[in-house]
Amino acid sequence: MRFTKTVVDGVLMIDLDVIEDKRGFFARTYCEEEFAAAGITMRPVQCNLSHNKQAFTLRGMHYQAPPHGESKLVQCVRGRIFDVAIDLRPQSQTFCRWAGVELSPKTRRMLFIPDGCAHGYLTLENESDVSYLVNAKYTPNAGRGVRWNDPAFSIAWPDAHPTLNARDASYPDFQC
């Protein structure tokens, strides 16, 4: 695996090293030792799968409040998404900055999002499936979010009129 820094501290793009032949390919998507060598200390305790029927479906921007914060390793296993992480850590040098990466099975790329960052994505194709490993179990009453189009972040989404649920559209303005 190859780990590449983004503009947000701790958010890393991970490109898979693939062994390929006429049958297809094999790639390791998680190795505790390789992640530790890249500065990631994550022990997955939950694996989630999200199916999205339509292109331009937006899910996010979600996080869990302390002490239930979670780190995520996100991979698009079918279709294509624009995956985004926002730094919500006030002490971070990249506070309120965002990183966005296109993920798909063709790119064989994943995104690591550390605790303290909000996460969300926009599907770019119909029938997009997103799988992510998480280092903490979901705690419903710790669930929080920031609005996908909040001017505090000015995220450059590939589509300005996504389909999203009422909760994700109604988060109040965030103060950076």
N, C-alpha and C. Protein backbone atom coordinates (compact mmCIF):
# COMPACT_ATOMS: atom_id res chain seq x y z
N MET A 1 0.84 -1.18 0.00
CA MET A 1 0.00 0.00 0.00
C MET A 1 0.88 1.24 0.00
N ARG A 2 0.39 2.26 -0.70
CA ARG A 2 1.09 3.54 -0.73
C ARG A 2 0.21 4.59 -0.07
N PHE A 3 0.77 5.30 0.90
CA PHE A 3 0.06 6.29 1.71
C PHE A 3 0.49 7.69 1.26
N THR A 4 -0.50 8.54 0.94
CA THR A 4 -0.22 9.90 0.47
C THR A 4 -0.99 10.89 1.32
N LYS A 5 -0.28 11.91 1.83
CA LYS A 5 -0.93 12.95 2.63
C LYS A 5 -1.85 13.78 1.76
N THR A 6 -2.89 14.34 2.40
CA THR A 6 -3.79 15.29 1.74
C THR A 6 -3.58 16.66 2.40
N VAL A 7 -4.40 17.62 2.06
CA VAL A 7 -4.30 18.96 2.65
C VAL A 7 -4.81 19.01 4.08
N VAL A 8 -5.41 17.93 4.57
CA VAL A 8 -5.90 17.86 5.95
C VAL A 8 -4.99 16.93 6.74
N ASP A 9 -4.46 17.44 7.86
CA ASP A 9 -3.58 16.63 8.70
C ASP A 9 -4.25 15.31 9.08
N GLY A 10 -3.56 14.20 8.82
CA GLY A 10 -4.04 12.89 9.22
C GLY A 10 -4.95 12.20 8.23
N VAL A 11 -5.48 12.93 7.26
CA VAL A 11 -6.30 12.32 6.20
C VAL A 11 -5.35 11.84 5.11
N LEU A 12 -5.40 10.54 4.84
CA LEU A 12 -4.45 9.94 3.89
C LEU A 12 -5.18 9.21 2.77
N MET A 13 -4.68 9.37 1.54
CA MET A 13 -5.11 8.53 0.43
C MET A 13 -4.26 7.27 0.48
N ILE A 14 -4.88 6.15 0.24
CA ILE A 14 -4.16 4.88 0.27
C ILE A 14 -4.40 4.17 -1.06
N ASP A 15 -3.33 3.99 -1.82
CA ASP A 15 -3.41 3.28 -3.08
C ASP A 15 -2.95 1.85 -2.86
N LEU A 16 -3.71 0.92 -3.40
CA LEU A 16 -3.43 -0.49 -3.19
C LEU A 16 -2.34 -0.99 -4.11
N ASP A 17 -1.49 -1.87 -3.59
CA ASP A 17 -0.53 -2.60 -4.41
C ASP A 17 -1.24 -3.87 -4.86
N VAL A 18 -1.33 -4.04 -6.16
CA VAL A 18 -2.14 -5.11 -6.73
C VAL A 18 -1.27 -6.18 -7.36
N ILE A 19 -1.61 -7.44 -7.08
CA ILE A 19 -1.01 -8.58 -7.77
C ILE A 19 -2.07 -9.06 -8.75
N GLU A 20 -1.75 -8.97 -10.04
CA GLU A 20 -2.77 -9.22 -11.06
C GLU A 20 -2.29 -10.31 -12.03
N ASP A 21 -3.23 -11.12 -12.46
CA ASP A 21 -2.98 -12.09 -13.53
C ASP A 21 -4.27 -12.29 -14.31
N LYS A 22 -4.31 -13.30 -15.17
CA LYS A 22 -5.48 -13.49 -16.04
C LYS A 22 -6.76 -13.79 -15.26
N ARG A 23 -6.65 -14.23 -14.00
CA ARG A 23 -7.83 -14.53 -13.19
C ARG A 23 -8.45 -13.28 -12.59
N GLY A 24 -7.65 -12.22 -12.42
CA GLY A 24 -8.11 -11.01 -11.76
C GLY A 24 -6.98 -10.44 -10.93
N PHE A 25 -7.26 -10.00 -9.72
CA PHE A 25 -6.20 -9.44 -8.89
C PHE A 25 -6.45 -9.73 -7.42
N PHE A 26 -5.39 -9.53 -6.64
CA PHE A 26 -5.43 -9.61 -5.20
C PHE A 26 -4.77 -8.36 -4.65
N ALA A 27 -5.37 -7.80 -3.59
CA ALA A 27 -4.76 -6.64 -2.93
C ALA A 27 -5.12 -6.66 -1.46
N ARG A 28 -4.16 -6.31 -0.64
CA ARG A 28 -4.43 -6.17 0.79
C ARG A 28 -5.02 -4.78 1.01
N THR A 29 -6.13 -4.70 1.75
CA THR A 29 -6.77 -3.40 2.00
C THR A 29 -6.54 -2.91 3.43
N TYR A 30 -6.05 -3.78 4.29
CA TYR A 30 -5.73 -3.35 5.65
C TYR A 30 -4.64 -4.25 6.20
N CYS A 31 -3.62 -3.64 6.79
CA CYS A 31 -2.56 -4.36 7.47
C CYS A 31 -2.13 -3.48 8.63
N GLU A 32 -2.34 -3.97 9.85
CA GLU A 32 -2.05 -3.17 11.03
C GLU A 32 -0.61 -2.65 11.04
N GLU A 33 0.35 -3.48 10.63
CA GLU A 33 1.76 -3.06 10.62
C GLU A 33 2.02 -1.97 9.59
N GLU A 34 1.49 -2.12 8.38
CA GLU A 34 1.70 -1.11 7.34
C GLU A 34 1.03 0.21 7.72
N PHE A 35 -0.15 0.13 8.31
CA PHE A 35 -0.84 1.34 8.75
C PHE A 35 -0.05 2.03 9.85
N ALA A 36 0.46 1.27 10.81
CA ALA A 36 1.25 1.84 11.90
C ALA A 36 2.51 2.53 11.36
N ALA A 37 3.14 1.92 10.37
CA ALA A 37 4.33 2.52 9.77
C ALA A 37 4.00 3.85 9.08
N ALA A 38 2.75 4.01 8.65
CA ALA A 38 2.30 5.26 8.02
C ALA A 38 1.74 6.24 9.05
N GLY A 39 1.80 5.87 10.33
CA GLY A 39 1.33 6.76 11.39
C GLY A 39 -0.13 6.58 11.76
N ILE A 40 -0.75 5.52 11.27
CA ILE A 40 -2.17 5.26 11.55
C ILE A 40 -2.26 4.15 12.58
N THR A 41 -2.83 4.46 13.73
CA THR A 41 -3.09 3.43 14.73
C THR A 41 -4.60 3.23 14.78
N MET A 42 -5.04 2.25 14.04
CA MET A 42 -6.48 1.98 13.93
C MET A 42 -6.71 0.49 14.06
N ARG A 43 -7.58 0.13 14.94
CA ARG A 43 -7.99 -1.25 15.09
C ARG A 43 -9.49 -1.31 14.78
N PRO A 44 -9.87 -1.83 13.60
CA PRO A 44 -11.28 -1.86 13.23
C PRO A 44 -12.11 -2.70 14.19
N VAL A 45 -13.30 -2.17 14.55
CA VAL A 45 -14.23 -2.92 15.39
C VAL A 45 -15.59 -3.08 14.69
N GLN A 46 -15.75 -2.40 13.55
CA GLN A 46 -17.02 -2.45 12.84
C GLN A 46 -16.74 -2.24 11.36
N CYS A 47 -17.52 -2.90 10.51
CA CYS A 47 -17.43 -2.71 9.06
C CYS A 47 -18.82 -2.38 8.55
N ASN A 48 -18.94 -1.29 7.80
CA ASN A 48 -20.23 -0.83 7.30
C ASN A 48 -20.26 -0.87 5.78
N LEU A 49 -21.45 -1.08 5.23
CA LEU A 49 -21.66 -1.05 3.79
C LEU A 49 -22.86 -0.17 3.50
N SER A 50 -22.69 0.78 2.61
CA SER A 50 -23.77 1.68 2.22
C SER A 50 -24.06 1.49 0.74
N HIS A 51 -25.32 1.19 0.41
CA HIS A 51 -25.73 1.05 -0.99
C HIS A 51 -26.51 2.30 -1.38
N ASN A 52 -26.19 2.83 -2.54
CA ASN A 52 -26.81 4.06 -3.03
C ASN A 52 -27.34 3.82 -4.43
N LYS A 53 -28.65 3.90 -4.61
CA LYS A 53 -29.28 3.58 -5.89
C LYS A 53 -29.00 4.60 -6.98
N GLN A 54 -28.97 5.88 -6.61
CA GLN A 54 -28.91 6.94 -7.61
C GLN A 54 -27.61 7.74 -7.55
N ALA A 55 -27.16 8.19 -8.70
CA ALA A 55 -26.05 9.14 -8.76
C ALA A 55 -26.49 10.44 -8.11
N PHE A 56 -25.54 11.16 -7.56
CA PHE A 56 -25.74 12.45 -6.90
C PHE A 56 -26.56 12.34 -5.61
N THR A 57 -26.37 11.19 -4.94
CA THR A 57 -26.88 11.02 -3.59
C THR A 57 -25.77 11.45 -2.64
N LEU A 58 -26.10 12.29 -1.67
CA LEU A 58 -25.10 12.77 -0.73
C LEU A 58 -25.41 12.22 0.65
N ARG A 59 -24.38 11.68 1.28
CA ARG A 59 -24.48 11.20 2.67
C ARG A 59 -23.40 11.92 3.47
N GLY A 60 -23.82 12.68 4.46
CA GLY A 60 -22.85 13.38 5.30
C GLY A 60 -23.26 14.82 5.53
N MET A 61 -22.48 15.46 6.26
CA MET A 61 -21.13 15.26 6.76
C MET A 61 -21.23 14.85 8.23
N HIS A 62 -20.87 13.64 8.55
CA HIS A 62 -21.11 13.05 9.87
C HIS A 62 -19.84 12.85 10.69
N TYR A 63 -20.01 12.86 12.00
CA TYR A 63 -18.96 12.50 12.94
C TYR A 63 -19.62 12.11 14.25
N GLN A 64 -18.84 11.55 15.16
CA GLN A 64 -19.34 11.23 16.49
C GLN A 64 -18.62 12.10 17.50
N ALA A 65 -19.39 12.65 18.45
CA ALA A 65 -18.83 13.52 19.49
C ALA A 65 -17.98 12.71 20.46
N PRO A 66 -16.94 13.35 21.03
CA PRO A 66 -16.12 12.69 22.05
C PRO A 66 -16.99 12.30 23.24
N PRO A 67 -16.71 11.23 23.88
CA PRO A 67 -15.55 10.35 23.72
C PRO A 67 -15.80 9.21 22.74
N HIS A 68 -16.76 9.36 21.85
CA HIS A 68 -17.14 8.28 20.93
C HIS A 68 -16.62 8.50 19.52
N GLY A 69 -15.62 9.38 19.37
CA GLY A 69 -15.08 9.67 18.04
C GLY A 69 -14.61 8.41 17.34
N GLU A 70 -14.59 8.49 16.02
CA GLU A 70 -14.22 7.31 15.24
C GLU A 70 -13.33 7.70 14.06
N SER A 71 -12.41 6.81 13.75
CA SER A 71 -11.61 6.89 12.54
C SER A 71 -12.22 5.93 11.53
N LYS A 72 -12.09 6.26 10.24
CA LYS A 72 -12.70 5.44 9.19
C LYS A 72 -11.70 5.18 8.07
N LEU A 73 -11.82 4.01 7.48
CA LEU A 73 -11.11 3.66 6.27
C LEU A 73 -12.17 3.38 5.21
N VAL A 74 -12.28 4.27 4.22
CA VAL A 74 -13.39 4.26 3.27
C VAL A 74 -12.93 3.76 1.90
N GLN A 75 -13.78 2.90 1.31
CA GLN A 75 -13.49 2.34 -0.01
C GLN A 75 -14.79 2.23 -0.79
N CYS A 76 -14.77 2.65 -2.04
CA CYS A 76 -15.92 2.48 -2.93
C CYS A 76 -15.72 1.16 -3.67
N VAL A 77 -16.61 0.19 -3.43
CA VAL A 77 -16.44 -1.14 -4.01
C VAL A 77 -17.27 -1.36 -5.27
N ARG A 78 -18.18 -0.42 -5.56
CA ARG A 78 -18.94 -0.45 -6.81
C ARG A 78 -19.38 0.97 -7.11
N GLY A 79 -19.31 1.35 -8.37
CA GLY A 79 -19.70 2.70 -8.76
C GLY A 79 -18.55 3.67 -8.58
N ARG A 80 -18.90 4.91 -8.17
CA ARG A 80 -17.89 5.95 -8.05
C ARG A 80 -18.42 7.02 -7.11
N ILE A 81 -17.55 7.53 -6.22
CA ILE A 81 -17.97 8.57 -5.27
C ILE A 81 -16.91 9.67 -5.19
N PHE A 82 -17.35 10.83 -4.70
CA PHE A 82 -16.46 11.91 -4.29
C PHE A 82 -16.51 11.92 -2.78
N ASP A 83 -15.42 11.49 -2.14
CA ASP A 83 -15.36 11.31 -0.70
C ASP A 83 -14.69 12.52 -0.05
N VAL A 84 -15.27 13.02 1.05
CA VAL A 84 -14.80 14.26 1.66
C VAL A 84 -14.61 14.10 3.16
N ALA A 85 -13.52 14.69 3.66
CA ALA A 85 -13.26 14.78 5.09
C ALA A 85 -13.03 16.25 5.43
N ILE A 86 -13.64 16.71 6.55
CA ILE A 86 -13.46 18.08 7.03
C ILE A 86 -12.81 18.00 8.41
N ASP A 87 -11.76 18.77 8.61
CA ASP A 87 -11.07 18.81 9.89
C ASP A 87 -11.85 19.68 10.88
N LEU A 88 -12.39 19.06 11.93
CA LEU A 88 -13.15 19.77 12.96
C LEU A 88 -12.39 19.83 14.28
N ARG A 89 -11.08 19.59 14.25
CA ARG A 89 -10.25 19.61 15.44
C ARG A 89 -9.70 21.02 15.65
N PRO A 90 -10.24 21.77 16.64
CA PRO A 90 -9.84 23.18 16.82
C PRO A 90 -8.34 23.40 17.00
N GLN A 91 -7.62 22.43 17.55
CA GLN A 91 -6.18 22.60 17.77
C GLN A 91 -5.36 22.24 16.53
N SER A 92 -5.99 21.72 15.50
CA SER A 92 -5.28 21.29 14.30
C SER A 92 -4.89 22.49 13.44
N GLN A 93 -3.74 22.38 12.79
CA GLN A 93 -3.30 23.44 11.87
C GLN A 93 -4.16 23.48 10.61
N THR A 94 -4.95 22.41 10.36
CA THR A 94 -5.81 22.39 9.18
C THR A 94 -7.30 22.47 9.56
N PHE A 95 -7.58 23.03 10.75
CA PHE A 95 -8.96 23.19 11.23
C PHE A 95 -9.80 23.89 10.15
N CYS A 96 -10.95 23.29 9.86
CA CYS A 96 -11.94 23.78 8.89
C CYS A 96 -11.54 23.59 7.43
N ARG A 97 -10.42 22.94 7.18
CA ARG A 97 -10.06 22.61 5.79
C ARG A 97 -10.68 21.27 5.43
N TRP A 98 -10.86 21.05 4.15
CA TRP A 98 -11.43 19.80 3.68
C TRP A 98 -10.53 19.17 2.62
N ALA A 99 -10.65 17.86 2.50
CA ALA A 99 -9.97 17.11 1.45
C ALA A 99 -11.02 16.26 0.75
N GLY A 100 -10.98 16.26 -0.57
CA GLY A 100 -11.91 15.46 -1.36
C GLY A 100 -11.16 14.60 -2.36
N VAL A 101 -11.59 13.34 -2.47
CA VAL A 101 -10.92 12.38 -3.33
C VAL A 101 -11.97 11.53 -4.03
N GLU A 102 -11.78 11.29 -5.32
CA GLU A 102 -12.66 10.37 -6.03
C GLU A 102 -12.21 8.94 -5.73
N LEU A 103 -13.18 8.11 -5.34
CA LEU A 103 -12.92 6.70 -5.06
C LEU A 103 -13.76 5.83 -5.96
N SER A 104 -13.18 4.74 -6.46
CA SER A 104 -13.91 3.77 -7.27
C SER A 104 -13.10 2.48 -7.32
N PRO A 105 -13.71 1.39 -7.75
CA PRO A 105 -12.93 0.15 -7.90
C PRO A 105 -11.80 0.31 -8.92
N LYS A 106 -11.99 1.18 -9.91
CA LYS A 106 -10.95 1.38 -10.94
C LYS A 106 -9.73 2.07 -10.37
N THR A 107 -9.92 3.04 -9.48
CA THR A 107 -8.76 3.75 -8.92
C THR A 107 -8.03 2.92 -7.88
N ARG A 108 -8.74 1.95 -7.29
CA ARG A 108 -8.16 1.11 -6.23
C ARG A 108 -7.55 1.98 -5.13
N ARG A 109 -8.27 3.01 -4.78
CA ARG A 109 -7.82 3.97 -3.77
C ARG A 109 -8.81 3.97 -2.62
N MET A 110 -8.29 4.20 -1.41
CA MET A 110 -9.11 4.33 -0.21
C MET A 110 -8.76 5.66 0.45
N LEU A 111 -9.60 6.07 1.40
CA LEU A 111 -9.32 7.29 2.16
C LEU A 111 -9.40 6.96 3.64
N PHE A 112 -8.34 7.34 4.37
CA PHE A 112 -8.34 7.21 5.82
C PHE A 112 -8.73 8.55 6.42
N ILE A 113 -9.72 8.53 7.32
CA ILE A 113 -10.23 9.74 7.96
C ILE A 113 -10.09 9.57 9.47
N PRO A 114 -9.27 10.41 10.10
CA PRO A 114 -9.04 10.26 11.54
C PRO A 114 -10.19 10.81 12.38
N ASP A 115 -10.23 10.36 13.62
CA ASP A 115 -11.15 10.88 14.62
C ASP A 115 -11.00 12.41 14.67
N GLY A 116 -12.12 13.10 14.74
CA GLY A 116 -12.10 14.56 14.78
C GLY A 116 -12.44 15.20 13.45
N CYS A 117 -12.63 14.38 12.44
CA CYS A 117 -13.01 14.89 11.12
C CYS A 117 -14.42 14.44 10.79
N ALA A 118 -15.18 15.32 10.14
CA ALA A 118 -16.49 14.94 9.61
C ALA A 118 -16.26 14.23 8.28
N HIS A 119 -17.17 13.32 7.94
CA HIS A 119 -17.04 12.54 6.71
C HIS A 119 -18.36 12.50 5.95
N GLY A 120 -18.25 12.55 4.64
CA GLY A 120 -19.41 12.38 3.79
C GLY A 120 -18.97 12.12 2.37
N TYR A 121 -19.93 11.75 1.52
CA TYR A 121 -19.60 11.51 0.12
C TYR A 121 -20.80 11.76 -0.76
N LEU A 122 -20.50 12.00 -2.04
CA LEU A 122 -21.49 12.19 -3.08
C LEU A 122 -21.28 11.08 -4.10
N THR A 123 -22.35 10.34 -4.43
CA THR A 123 -22.21 9.30 -5.45
C THR A 123 -22.15 9.97 -6.82
N LEU A 124 -21.31 9.43 -7.67
CA LEU A 124 -21.15 9.97 -9.02
C LEU A 124 -21.73 9.05 -10.08
N GLU A 125 -22.16 7.86 -9.66
CA GLU A 125 -22.79 6.89 -10.55
C GLU A 125 -23.95 6.22 -9.82
N ASN A 126 -24.93 5.74 -10.58
CA ASN A 126 -25.97 4.90 -10.02
C ASN A 126 -25.33 3.64 -9.44
N GLU A 127 -26.01 3.03 -8.49
CA GLU A 127 -25.59 1.74 -7.91
C GLU A 127 -24.16 1.80 -7.37
N SER A 128 -23.92 2.75 -6.49
CA SER A 128 -22.60 2.89 -5.86
C SER A 128 -22.65 2.31 -4.44
N ASP A 129 -21.67 1.47 -4.13
CA ASP A 129 -21.56 0.84 -2.81
C ASP A 129 -20.28 1.30 -2.14
N VAL A 130 -20.40 1.68 -0.87
CA VAL A 130 -19.28 2.18 -0.10
C VAL A 130 -19.11 1.31 1.13
N SER A 131 -17.88 0.83 1.33
CA SER A 131 -17.55 0.00 2.48
C SER A 131 -16.55 0.77 3.33
N TYR A 132 -16.76 0.73 4.64
CA TYR A 132 -15.77 1.38 5.50
C TYR A 132 -15.60 0.65 6.81
N LEU A 133 -14.31 0.56 7.19
CA LEU A 133 -13.93 0.02 8.48
C LEU A 133 -13.92 1.18 9.47
N VAL A 134 -14.36 0.91 10.70
CA VAL A 134 -14.45 1.94 11.72
C VAL A 134 -13.81 1.41 13.00
N ASN A 135 -13.13 2.29 13.72
CA ASN A 135 -12.43 1.85 14.92
C ASN A 135 -13.24 2.01 16.20
N ALA A 136 -14.50 2.42 16.10
CA ALA A 136 -15.37 2.56 17.26
C ALA A 136 -16.80 2.19 16.84
N LYS A 137 -17.53 1.60 17.77
CA LYS A 137 -18.91 1.24 17.43
C LYS A 137 -19.76 2.51 17.34
N TYR A 138 -20.77 2.44 16.52
CA TYR A 138 -21.67 3.58 16.35
C TYR A 138 -22.47 3.78 17.64
N THR A 139 -22.48 5.01 18.10
CA THR A 139 -23.23 5.40 19.31
C THR A 139 -24.25 6.44 18.88
N PRO A 140 -25.53 6.06 18.71
CA PRO A 140 -26.52 6.98 18.14
C PRO A 140 -26.60 8.36 18.80
N ASN A 141 -26.56 8.43 20.13
CA ASN A 141 -26.71 9.75 20.77
C ASN A 141 -25.44 10.59 20.67
N ALA A 142 -24.35 10.04 20.12
CA ALA A 142 -23.12 10.81 19.90
C ALA A 142 -23.02 11.29 18.45
N GLY A 143 -23.98 10.89 17.61
CA GLY A 143 -23.96 11.27 16.20
C GLY A 143 -24.16 12.77 16.01
N ARG A 144 -23.30 13.36 15.21
CA ARG A 144 -23.35 14.79 14.92
C ARG A 144 -23.09 15.00 13.43
N GLY A 145 -23.23 16.25 13.00
CA GLY A 145 -22.92 16.54 11.61
C GLY A 145 -22.76 18.03 11.37
N VAL A 146 -22.21 18.32 10.21
CA VAL A 146 -22.14 19.69 9.71
C VAL A 146 -22.76 19.66 8.32
N ARG A 147 -23.27 20.81 7.89
CA ARG A 147 -23.99 20.86 6.62
C ARG A 147 -23.04 20.74 5.43
N TRP A 148 -23.42 19.97 4.47
CA TRP A 148 -22.63 19.67 3.28
C TRP A 148 -22.25 20.92 2.48
N ASN A 149 -23.11 21.94 2.53
CA ASN A 149 -22.87 23.16 1.74
C ASN A 149 -22.63 24.38 2.63
N ASP A 150 -22.16 24.17 3.83
CA ASP A 150 -21.88 25.26 4.76
C ASP A 150 -20.78 26.16 4.18
N PRO A 151 -21.02 27.47 4.12
CA PRO A 151 -19.99 28.38 3.58
C PRO A 151 -18.71 28.41 4.40
N ALA A 152 -18.74 27.93 5.64
CA ALA A 152 -17.53 27.88 6.45
C ALA A 152 -16.47 26.98 5.81
N PHE A 153 -16.92 26.01 5.00
CA PHE A 153 -16.00 25.04 4.40
C PHE A 153 -15.83 25.24 2.90
N SER A 154 -16.87 25.71 2.21
CA SER A 154 -16.83 25.94 0.75
C SER A 154 -16.32 24.72 -0.02
N ILE A 155 -16.93 23.57 0.25
CA ILE A 155 -16.53 22.34 -0.44
C ILE A 155 -16.93 22.44 -1.91
N ALA A 156 -16.02 22.08 -2.79
CA ALA A 156 -16.26 22.11 -4.24
C ALA A 156 -16.85 20.77 -4.68
N TRP A 157 -18.14 20.57 -4.39
CA TRP A 157 -18.82 19.33 -4.76
C TRP A 157 -18.98 19.27 -6.28
N PRO A 158 -18.92 18.07 -6.87
CA PRO A 158 -19.12 17.94 -8.31
C PRO A 158 -20.55 18.21 -8.77
N ASP A 159 -21.50 18.29 -7.83
CA ASP A 159 -22.90 18.58 -8.18
C ASP A 159 -23.48 19.45 -7.08
N ALA A 160 -24.19 20.51 -7.46
CA ALA A 160 -24.71 21.46 -6.49
C ALA A 160 -26.14 21.15 -6.04
N HIS A 161 -26.74 20.10 -6.59
CA HIS A 161 -28.14 19.78 -6.26
C HIS A 161 -28.31 18.29 -5.96
N PRO A 162 -27.63 17.80 -4.92
CA PRO A 162 -27.71 16.37 -4.61
C PRO A 162 -29.02 16.00 -3.93
N THR A 163 -29.28 14.69 -3.91
CA THR A 163 -30.37 14.13 -3.13
C THR A 163 -29.81 13.80 -1.76
N LEU A 164 -30.45 14.31 -0.70
CA LEU A 164 -30.00 14.03 0.65
C LEU A 164 -31.18 14.03 1.60
N ASN A 165 -30.97 13.52 2.80
CA ASN A 165 -32.07 13.48 3.75
C ASN A 165 -32.21 14.83 4.47
N ALA A 166 -33.33 15.01 5.13
CA ALA A 166 -33.64 16.29 5.79
C ALA A 166 -32.63 16.63 6.88
N ARG A 167 -32.20 15.64 7.64
CA ARG A 167 -31.23 15.90 8.71
C ARG A 167 -29.94 16.48 8.15
N ASP A 168 -29.40 15.87 7.09
CA ASP A 168 -28.13 16.33 6.53
C ASP A 168 -28.25 17.72 5.90
N ALA A 169 -29.45 18.11 5.50
CA ALA A 169 -29.66 19.43 4.91
C ALA A 169 -29.87 20.52 5.95
N SER A 170 -30.11 20.14 7.21
CA SER A 170 -30.56 21.13 8.19
C SER A 170 -29.56 21.44 9.31
N TYR A 171 -28.34 20.94 9.23
CA TYR A 171 -27.38 21.28 10.27
C TYR A 171 -27.14 22.80 10.28
N PRO A 172 -26.97 23.41 11.44
CA PRO A 172 -26.74 24.86 11.49
C PRO A 172 -25.36 25.24 10.96
N ASP A 173 -25.17 26.53 10.71
CA ASP A 173 -23.87 27.01 10.26
C ASP A 173 -22.80 26.68 11.31
N PHE A 174 -21.62 26.37 10.82
CA PHE A 174 -20.48 26.04 11.67
C PHE A 174 -19.58 27.27 11.77
N GLN A 175 -19.04 27.51 12.95
CA GLN A 175 -18.13 28.64 13.15
C GLN A 175 -16.69 28.17 13.18
N CYS A 176 -15.90 28.60 12.22
CA CYS A 176 -14.49 28.24 12.18
C CYS A 176 -13.67 29.24 12.99
